[in-house]
Amino acid sequence: LGGEDSETKNFNLDKIIAGDMALLIEALIQLD
């Protein structure tokens, strides 16, 4: 996701590892 220095590729780890992956998955779907 995003460019090399882009912040659009970064997500809150506590939420992700707890299973709250919605924002991350949606970003990947849009890229796809």
ModelCIF file with pLDDT and N, C-alpha, C, O atoms, coordinates in Angstrom:
data_MODEL
#
_entry.id   MODEL 
#
_entity.id                         1 
_entity.type                       polymer 
_entity.pdbx_number_of_molecules   1 
#
_entity_poly.entity_id                      1 
_entity_poly.type                           'polypeptide(L)' 
_entity_poly.nstd_linkage                   no 
_entity_poly.nstd_monomer                   no 
_entity_poly.pdbx_seq_one_letter_code       LGGEDSETKNFNLDKIIAGDMALLIEALIQLD 
_entity_poly.pdbx_seq_one_letter_code_can   LGGEDSETKNFNLDKIIAGDMALLIEALIQLD 
_entity_poly.pdbx_strand_id                 A 
#
loop_
_entity_poly_seq.entity_id 
_entity_poly_seq.num 
_entity_poly_seq.mon_id 
_entity_poly_seq.hetero 
1 1  LEU n 
1 2  GLY n 
1 3  GLY n 
1 4  GLU n 
1 5  ASP n 
1 6  SER n 
1 7  GLU n 
1 8  THR n 
1 9  LYS n 
1 10 ASN n 
1 11 PHE n 
1 12 ASN n 
1 13 LEU n 
1 14 ASP n 
1 15 LYS n 
1 16 ILE n 
1 17 ILE n 
1 18 ALA n 
1 19 GLY n 
1 20 ASP n 
1 21 MET n 
1 22 ALA n 
1 23 LEU n 
1 24 LEU n 
1 25 ILE n 
1 26 GLU n 
1 27 ALA n 
1 28 LEU n 
1 29 ILE n 
1 30 GLN n 
1 31 LEU n 
1 32 ASP n 
#
_struct_asym.id          A 
_struct_asym.entity_id   1 
#
loop_
_ma_qa_metric.id 
_ma_qa_metric.mode 
_ma_qa_metric.name 
_ma_qa_metric.software_group_id 
_ma_qa_metric.type 
1 global pLDDT . pLDDT 
2 local  pLDDT . pLDDT 
#
_ma_qa_metric_global.metric_id      1 
_ma_qa_metric_global.metric_value   88.34 
_ma_qa_metric_global.model_id       1 
_ma_qa_metric_global.ordinal_id     1 
#
loop_
_ma_qa_metric_local.label_asym_id 
_ma_qa_metric_local.label_comp_id 
_ma_qa_metric_local.label_seq_id 
_ma_qa_metric_local.metric_id 
_ma_qa_metric_local.metric_value 
_ma_qa_metric_local.model_id 
_ma_qa_metric_local.ordinal_id 
A LEU 1  2 91.00 1 1  
A GLY 2  2 77.00 1 2  
A GLY 3  2 66.00 1 3  
A GLU 4  2 61.00 1 4  
A ASP 5  2 60.00 1 5  
A SER 6  2 66.00 1 6  
A GLU 7  2 70.00 1 7  
A THR 8  2 80.00 1 8  
A LYS 9  2 89.00 1 9  
A ASN 10 2 92.00 1 10 
A PHE 11 2 95.00 1 11 
A ASN 12 2 95.00 1 12 
A LEU 13 2 96.00 1 13 
A ASP 14 2 96.00 1 14 
A LYS 15 2 97.00 1 15 
A ILE 16 2 97.00 1 16 
A ILE 17 2 97.00 1 17 
A ALA 18 2 96.00 1 18 
A GLY 19 2 96.00 1 19 
A ASP 20 2 96.00 1 20 
A MET 21 2 96.00 1 21 
A ALA 22 2 95.00 1 22 
A LEU 23 2 95.00 1 23 
A LEU 24 2 96.00 1 24 
A ILE 25 2 95.00 1 25 
A GLU 26 2 93.00 1 26 
A ALA 27 2 93.00 1 27 
A LEU 28 2 93.00 1 28 
A ILE 29 2 91.00 1 29 
A GLN 30 2 89.00 1 30 
A LEU 31 2 90.00 1 31 
A ASP 32 2 88.00 1 32 
#
loop_
_atom_site.group_PDB 
_atom_site.id 
_atom_site.type_symbol 
_atom_site.label_atom_id 
_atom_site.label_alt_id 
_atom_site.label_comp_id 
_atom_site.label_asym_id 
_atom_site.label_entity_id 
_atom_site.label_seq_id 
_atom_site.pdbx_PDB_ins_code 
_atom_site.Cartn_x 
_atom_site.Cartn_y 
_atom_site.Cartn_z 
_atom_site.occupancy 
_atom_site.B_iso_or_equiv 
_atom_site.pdbx_formal_charge 
_atom_site.auth_seq_id 
_atom_site.auth_comp_id 
_atom_site.auth_asym_id 
_atom_site.auth_atom_id 
_atom_site.pdbx_PDB_model_num 
ATOM 1   N N  . LEU A 1 1  ? 0.817   -1.213 0.000  1.00 91.00 ? 1  LEU A N  1 
ATOM 2   C CA . LEU A 1 1  ? 0.000   0.000  0.000  1.00 91.00 ? 1  LEU A CA 1 
ATOM 3   C C  . LEU A 1 1  ? 0.848   1.258  0.000  1.00 91.00 ? 1  LEU A C  1 
ATOM 4   O O  . LEU A 1 1  ? 1.865   1.315  0.690  1.00 91.00 ? 1  LEU A O  1 
ATOM 5   N N  . GLY A 1 2  ? 0.449   2.265  -0.759 1.00 77.00 ? 2  GLY A N  1 
ATOM 6   C CA . GLY A 1 2  ? 1.104   3.556  -0.740 1.00 77.00 ? 2  GLY A CA 1 
ATOM 7   C C  . GLY A 1 2  ? 2.518   3.527  -1.270 1.00 77.00 ? 2  GLY A C  1 
ATOM 8   O O  . GLY A 1 2  ? 3.018   2.479  -1.681 1.00 77.00 ? 2  GLY A O  1 
ATOM 9   N N  . GLY A 1 3  ? 3.171   4.699  -1.260 1.00 66.00 ? 3  GLY A N  1 
ATOM 10  C CA . GLY A 1 3  ? 4.562   4.807  -1.686 1.00 66.00 ? 3  GLY A CA 1 
ATOM 11  C C  . GLY A 1 3  ? 5.505   4.368  -0.580 1.00 66.00 ? 3  GLY A C  1 
ATOM 12  O O  . GLY A 1 3  ? 5.061   3.960  0.494  1.00 66.00 ? 3  GLY A O  1 
ATOM 13  N N  . GLU A 1 4  ? 6.784   4.449  -0.832 1.00 61.00 ? 4  GLU A N  1 
ATOM 14  C CA . GLU A 1 4  ? 7.792   3.992  0.116  1.00 61.00 ? 4  GLU A CA 1 
ATOM 15  C C  . GLU A 1 4  ? 7.682   4.709  1.457  1.00 61.00 ? 4  GLU A C  1 
ATOM 16  O O  . GLU A 1 4  ? 7.854   4.095  2.510  1.00 61.00 ? 4  GLU A O  1 
ATOM 17  N N  . ASP A 1 5  ? 7.393   6.015  1.418  1.00 60.00 ? 5  ASP A N  1 
ATOM 18  C CA . ASP A 1 5  ? 7.309   6.800  2.642  1.00 60.00 ? 5  ASP A CA 1 
ATOM 19  C C  . ASP A 1 5  ? 5.864   7.129  3.040  1.00 60.00 ? 5  ASP A C  1 
ATOM 20  O O  . ASP A 1 5  ? 5.626   7.943  3.932  1.00 60.00 ? 5  ASP A O  1 
ATOM 21  N N  . SER A 1 6  ? 4.926   6.495  2.379  1.00 66.00 ? 6  SER A N  1 
ATOM 22  C CA . SER A 1 6  ? 3.525   6.826  2.615  1.00 66.00 ? 6  SER A CA 1 
ATOM 23  C C  . SER A 1 6  ? 3.025   6.278  3.946  1.00 66.00 ? 6  SER A C  1 
ATOM 24  O O  . SER A 1 6  ? 3.364   5.162  4.342  1.00 66.00 ? 6  SER A O  1 
ATOM 25  N N  . GLU A 1 7  ? 2.215   7.081  4.628  1.00 70.00 ? 7  GLU A N  1 
ATOM 26  C CA . GLU A 1 7  ? 1.616   6.648  5.889  1.00 70.00 ? 7  GLU A CA 1 
ATOM 27  C C  . GLU A 1 7  ? 0.345   5.838  5.649  1.00 70.00 ? 7  GLU A C  1 
ATOM 28  O O  . GLU A 1 7  ? -0.206  5.260  6.586  1.00 70.00 ? 7  GLU A O  1 
ATOM 29  N N  . THR A 1 8  ? -0.121  5.793  4.405  1.00 80.00 ? 8  THR A N  1 
ATOM 30  C CA . THR A 1 8  ? -1.353  5.051  4.124  1.00 80.00 ? 8  THR A CA 1 
ATOM 31  C C  . THR A 1 8  ? -1.156  3.549  4.248  1.00 80.00 ? 8  THR A C  1 
ATOM 32  O O  . THR A 1 8  ? -2.125  2.790  4.221  1.00 80.00 ? 8  THR A O  1 
ATOM 33  N N  . LYS A 1 9  ? 0.086   3.118  4.383  1.00 89.00 ? 9  LYS A N  1 
ATOM 34  C CA . LYS A 1 9  ? 0.362   1.690  4.515  1.00 89.00 ? 9  LYS A CA 1 
ATOM 35  C C  . LYS A 1 9  ? 0.476   1.264  5.977  1.00 89.00 ? 9  LYS A C  1 
ATOM 36  O O  . LYS A 1 9  ? 0.667   0.081  6.257  1.00 89.00 ? 9  LYS A O  1 
ATOM 37  N N  . ASN A 1 10 ? 0.361   2.214  6.917  1.00 92.00 ? 10 ASN A N  1 
ATOM 38  C CA . ASN A 1 10 ? 0.547   1.918  8.337  1.00 92.00 ? 10 ASN A CA 1 
ATOM 39  C C  . ASN A 1 10 ? -0.786  1.898  9.085  1.00 92.00 ? 10 ASN A C  1 
ATOM 40  O O  . ASN A 1 10 ? -1.647  2.749  8.863  1.00 92.00 ? 10 ASN A O  1 
ATOM 41  N N  . PHE A 1 11 ? -0.942  0.909  9.979  1.00 95.00 ? 11 PHE A N  1 
ATOM 42  C CA . PHE A 1 11 ? -2.173  0.742  10.742 1.00 95.00 ? 11 PHE A CA 1 
ATOM 43  C C  . PHE A 1 11 ? -1.843  0.459  12.204 1.00 95.00 ? 11 PHE A C  1 
ATOM 44  O O  . PHE A 1 11 ? -0.739  0.026  12.532 1.00 95.00 ? 11 PHE A O  1 
ATOM 45  N N  . ASN A 1 12 ? -2.826  0.711  13.082 1.00 95.00 ? 12 ASN A N  1 
ATOM 46  C CA . ASN A 1 12 ? -2.651  0.466  14.510 1.00 95.00 ? 12 ASN A CA 1 
ATOM 47  C C  . ASN A 1 12 ? -2.504  -1.031 14.763 1.00 95.00 ? 12 ASN A C  1 
ATOM 48  O O  . ASN A 1 12 ? -3.427  -1.803 14.503 1.00 95.00 ? 12 ASN A O  1 
ATOM 49  N N  . LEU A 1 13 ? -1.352  -1.433 15.268 1.00 96.00 ? 13 LEU A N  1 
ATOM 50  C CA . LEU A 1 13 ? -1.059  -2.862 15.423 1.00 96.00 ? 13 LEU A CA 1 
ATOM 51  C C  . LEU A 1 13 ? -1.953  -3.524 16.464 1.00 96.00 ? 13 LEU A C  1 
ATOM 52  O O  . LEU A 1 13 ? -2.388  -4.659 16.270 1.00 96.00 ? 13 LEU A O  1 
ATOM 53  N N  . ASP A 1 14 ? -2.235  -2.824 17.574 1.00 96.00 ? 14 ASP A N  1 
ATOM 54  C CA . ASP A 1 14 ? -3.081  -3.411 18.616 1.00 96.00 ? 14 ASP A CA 1 
ATOM 55  C C  . ASP A 1 14 ? -4.431  -3.842 18.046 1.00 96.00 ? 14 ASP A C  1 
ATOM 56  O O  . ASP A 1 14 ? -4.944  -4.911 18.376 1.00 96.00 ? 14 ASP A O  1 
ATOM 57  N N  . LYS A 1 15 ? -4.999  -2.988 17.182 1.00 97.00 ? 15 LYS A N  1 
ATOM 58  C CA . LYS A 1 15 ? -6.295  -3.313 16.585 1.00 97.00 ? 15 LYS A CA 1 
ATOM 59  C C  . LYS A 1 15 ? -6.168  -4.482 15.599 1.00 97.00 ? 15 LYS A C  1 
ATOM 60  O O  . LYS A 1 15 ? -6.990  -5.398 15.600 1.00 97.00 ? 15 LYS A O  1 
ATOM 61  N N  . ILE A 1 16 ? -5.139  -4.438 14.771 1.00 97.00 ? 16 ILE A N  1 
ATOM 62  C CA . ILE A 1 16 ? -4.966  -5.486 13.756 1.00 97.00 ? 16 ILE A CA 1 
ATOM 63  C C  . ILE A 1 16 ? -4.799  -6.847 14.404 1.00 97.00 ? 16 ILE A C  1 
ATOM 64  O O  . ILE A 1 16 ? -5.499  -7.792 14.041 1.00 97.00 ? 16 ILE A O  1 
ATOM 65  N N  . ILE A 1 17 ? -3.885  -6.963 15.357 1.00 97.00 ? 17 ILE A N  1 
ATOM 66  C CA . ILE A 1 17 ? -3.574  -8.261 15.964 1.00 97.00 ? 17 ILE A CA 1 
ATOM 67  C C  . ILE A 1 17 ? -4.764  -8.769 16.786 1.00 97.00 ? 17 ILE A C  1 
ATOM 68  O O  . ILE A 1 17 ? -4.875  -9.963 17.065 1.00 97.00 ? 17 ILE A O  1 
ATOM 69  N N  . ALA A 1 18 ? -5.669  -7.822 17.177 1.00 96.00 ? 18 ALA A N  1 
ATOM 70  C CA . ALA A 1 18 ? -6.874  -8.215 17.910 1.00 96.00 ? 18 ALA A CA 1 
ATOM 71  C C  . ALA A 1 18 ? -8.002  -8.629 16.964 1.00 96.00 ? 18 ALA A C  1 
ATOM 72  O O  . ALA A 1 18 ? -9.103  -8.956 17.407 1.00 96.00 ? 18 ALA A O  1 
ATOM 73  N N  . GLY A 1 19 ? -7.721  -8.613 15.662 1.00 96.00 ? 19 GLY A N  1 
ATOM 74  C CA . GLY A 1 19 ? -8.708  -9.062 14.685 1.00 96.00 ? 19 GLY A CA 1 
ATOM 75  C C  . GLY A 1 19 ? -9.514  -7.963 14.038 1.00 96.00 ? 19 GLY A C  1 
ATOM 76  O O  . GLY A 1 19 ? -10.394 -8.240 13.223 1.00 96.00 ? 19 GLY A O  1 
ATOM 77  N N  . ASP A 1 20 ? -9.228  -6.693 14.391 1.00 96.00 ? 20 ASP A N  1 
ATOM 78  C CA . ASP A 1 20 ? -9.942  -5.569 13.780 1.00 96.00 ? 20 ASP A CA 1 
ATOM 79  C C  . ASP A 1 20 ? -9.191  -5.167 12.503 1.00 96.00 ? 20 ASP A C  1 
ATOM 80  O O  . ASP A 1 20 ? -8.432  -4.198 12.497 1.00 96.00 ? 20 ASP A O  1 
ATOM 81  N N  . MET A 1 21 ? -9.412  -5.922 11.431 1.00 96.00 ? 21 MET A N  1 
ATOM 82  C CA . MET A 1 21 ? -8.649  -5.777 10.202 1.00 96.00 ? 21 MET A CA 1 
ATOM 83  C C  . MET A 1 21 ? -9.403  -5.043 9.101  1.00 96.00 ? 21 MET A C  1 
ATOM 84  O O  . MET A 1 21 ? -8.919  -4.966 7.971  1.00 96.00 ? 21 MET A O  1 
ATOM 85  N N  . ALA A 1 22 ? -10.568 -4.509 9.406  1.00 95.00 ? 22 ALA A N  1 
ATOM 86  C CA . ALA A 1 22 ? -11.456 -3.967 8.373  1.00 95.00 ? 22 ALA A CA 1 
ATOM 87  C C  . ALA A 1 22 ? -10.791 -2.893 7.513  1.00 95.00 ? 22 ALA A C  1 
ATOM 88  O O  . ALA A 1 22 ? -10.860 -2.962 6.286  1.00 95.00 ? 22 ALA A O  1 
ATOM 89  N N  . LEU A 1 23 ? -10.149 -1.904 8.132  1.00 95.00 ? 23 LEU A N  1 
ATOM 90  C CA . LEU A 1 23 ? -9.541  -0.806 7.366  1.00 95.00 ? 23 LEU A CA 1 
ATOM 91  C C  . LEU A 1 23 ? -8.411  -1.309 6.479  1.00 95.00 ? 23 LEU A C  1 
ATOM 92  O O  . LEU A 1 23 ? -8.279  -0.880 5.333  1.00 95.00 ? 23 LEU A O  1 
ATOM 93  N N  . LEU A 1 24 ? -7.603  -2.209 7.003  1.00 96.00 ? 24 LEU A N  1 
ATOM 94  C CA . LEU A 1 24 ? -6.484  -2.774 6.239  1.00 96.00 ? 24 LEU A CA 1 
ATOM 95  C C  . LEU A 1 24 ? -6.989  -3.565 5.043  1.00 96.00 ? 24 LEU A C  1 
ATOM 96  O O  . LEU A 1 24 ? -6.506  -3.383 3.926  1.00 96.00 ? 24 LEU A O  1 
ATOM 97  N N  . ILE A 1 25 ? -7.957  -4.441 5.272  1.00 95.00 ? 25 ILE A N  1 
ATOM 98  C CA . ILE A 1 25 ? -8.486  -5.272 4.187  1.00 95.00 ? 25 ILE A CA 1 
ATOM 99  C C  . ILE A 1 25 ? -9.161  -4.415 3.127  1.00 95.00 ? 25 ILE A C  1 
ATOM 100 O O  . ILE A 1 25 ? -9.007  -4.681 1.935  1.00 95.00 ? 25 ILE A O  1 
ATOM 101 N N  . GLU A 1 26 ? -9.908  -3.387 3.537  1.00 93.00 ? 26 GLU A N  1 
ATOM 102 C CA . GLU A 1 26 ? -10.587 -2.523 2.583  1.00 93.00 ? 26 GLU A CA 1 
ATOM 103 C C  . GLU A 1 26 ? -9.579  -1.781 1.706  1.00 93.00 ? 26 GLU A C  1 
ATOM 104 O O  . GLU A 1 26 ? -9.805  -1.600 0.509  1.00 93.00 ? 26 GLU A O  1 
ATOM 105 N N  . ALA A 1 27 ? -8.456  -1.349 2.311  1.00 93.00 ? 27 ALA A N  1 
ATOM 106 C CA . ALA A 1 27 ? -7.415  -0.663 1.532  1.00 93.00 ? 27 ALA A CA 1 
ATOM 107 C C  . ALA A 1 27 ? -6.828  -1.596 0.479  1.00 93.00 ? 27 ALA A C  1 
ATOM 108 O O  . ALA A 1 27 ? -6.545  -1.169 -0.640 1.00 93.00 ? 27 ALA A O  1 
ATOM 109 N N  . LEU A 1 28 ? -6.645  -2.864 0.831  1.00 93.00 ? 28 LEU A N  1 
ATOM 110 C CA . LEU A 1 28 ? -6.104  -3.845 -0.115 1.00 93.00 ? 28 LEU A CA 1 
ATOM 111 C C  . LEU A 1 28 ? -7.109  -4.161 -1.218 1.00 93.00 ? 28 LEU A C  1 
ATOM 112 O O  . LEU A 1 28 ? -6.727  -4.352 -2.373 1.00 93.00 ? 28 LEU A O  1 
ATOM 113 N N  . ILE A 1 29 ? -8.378  -4.214 -0.868 1.00 91.00 ? 29 ILE A N  1 
ATOM 114 C CA . ILE A 1 29 ? -9.420  -4.459 -1.868 1.00 91.00 ? 29 ILE A CA 1 
ATOM 115 C C  . ILE A 1 29 ? -9.459  -3.313 -2.881 1.00 91.00 ? 29 ILE A C  1 
ATOM 116 O O  . ILE A 1 29 ? -9.582  -3.547 -4.084 1.00 91.00 ? 29 ILE A O  1 
ATOM 117 N N  . GLN A 1 30 ? -9.354  -2.078 -2.394 1.00 89.00 ? 30 GLN A N  1 
ATOM 118 C CA . GLN A 1 30 ? -9.366  -0.924 -3.294 1.00 89.00 ? 30 GLN A CA 1 
ATOM 119 C C  . GLN A 1 30 ? -8.150  -0.939 -4.225 1.00 89.00 ? 30 GLN A C  1 
ATOM 120 O O  . GLN A 1 30 ? -8.268  -0.627 -5.410 1.00 89.00 ? 30 GLN A O  1 
ATOM 121 N N  . LEU A 1 31 ? -6.983  -1.303 -3.684 1.00 90.00 ? 31 LEU A N  1 
ATOM 122 C CA . LEU A 1 31 ? -5.776  -1.401 -4.514 1.00 90.00 ? 31 LEU A CA 1 
ATOM 123 C C  . LEU A 1 31 ? -5.943  -2.485 -5.567 1.00 90.00 ? 31 LEU A C  1 
ATOM 124 O O  . LEU A 1 31 ? -5.553  -2.309 -6.721 1.00 90.00 ? 31 LEU A O  1 
ATOM 125 N N  . ASP A 1 32 ? -6.522  -3.596 -5.164 1.00 88.00 ? 32 ASP A N  1 
ATOM 126 C CA . ASP A 1 32 ? -6.747  -4.708 -6.089 1.00 88.00 ? 32 ASP A CA 1 
ATOM 127 C C  . ASP A 1 32 ? -7.669  -4.283 -7.230 1.00 88.00 ? 32 ASP A C  1 
ATOM 128 O O  . ASP A 1 32 ? -7.973  -5.089 -8.109 1.00 88.00 ? 32 ASP A O  1 
#
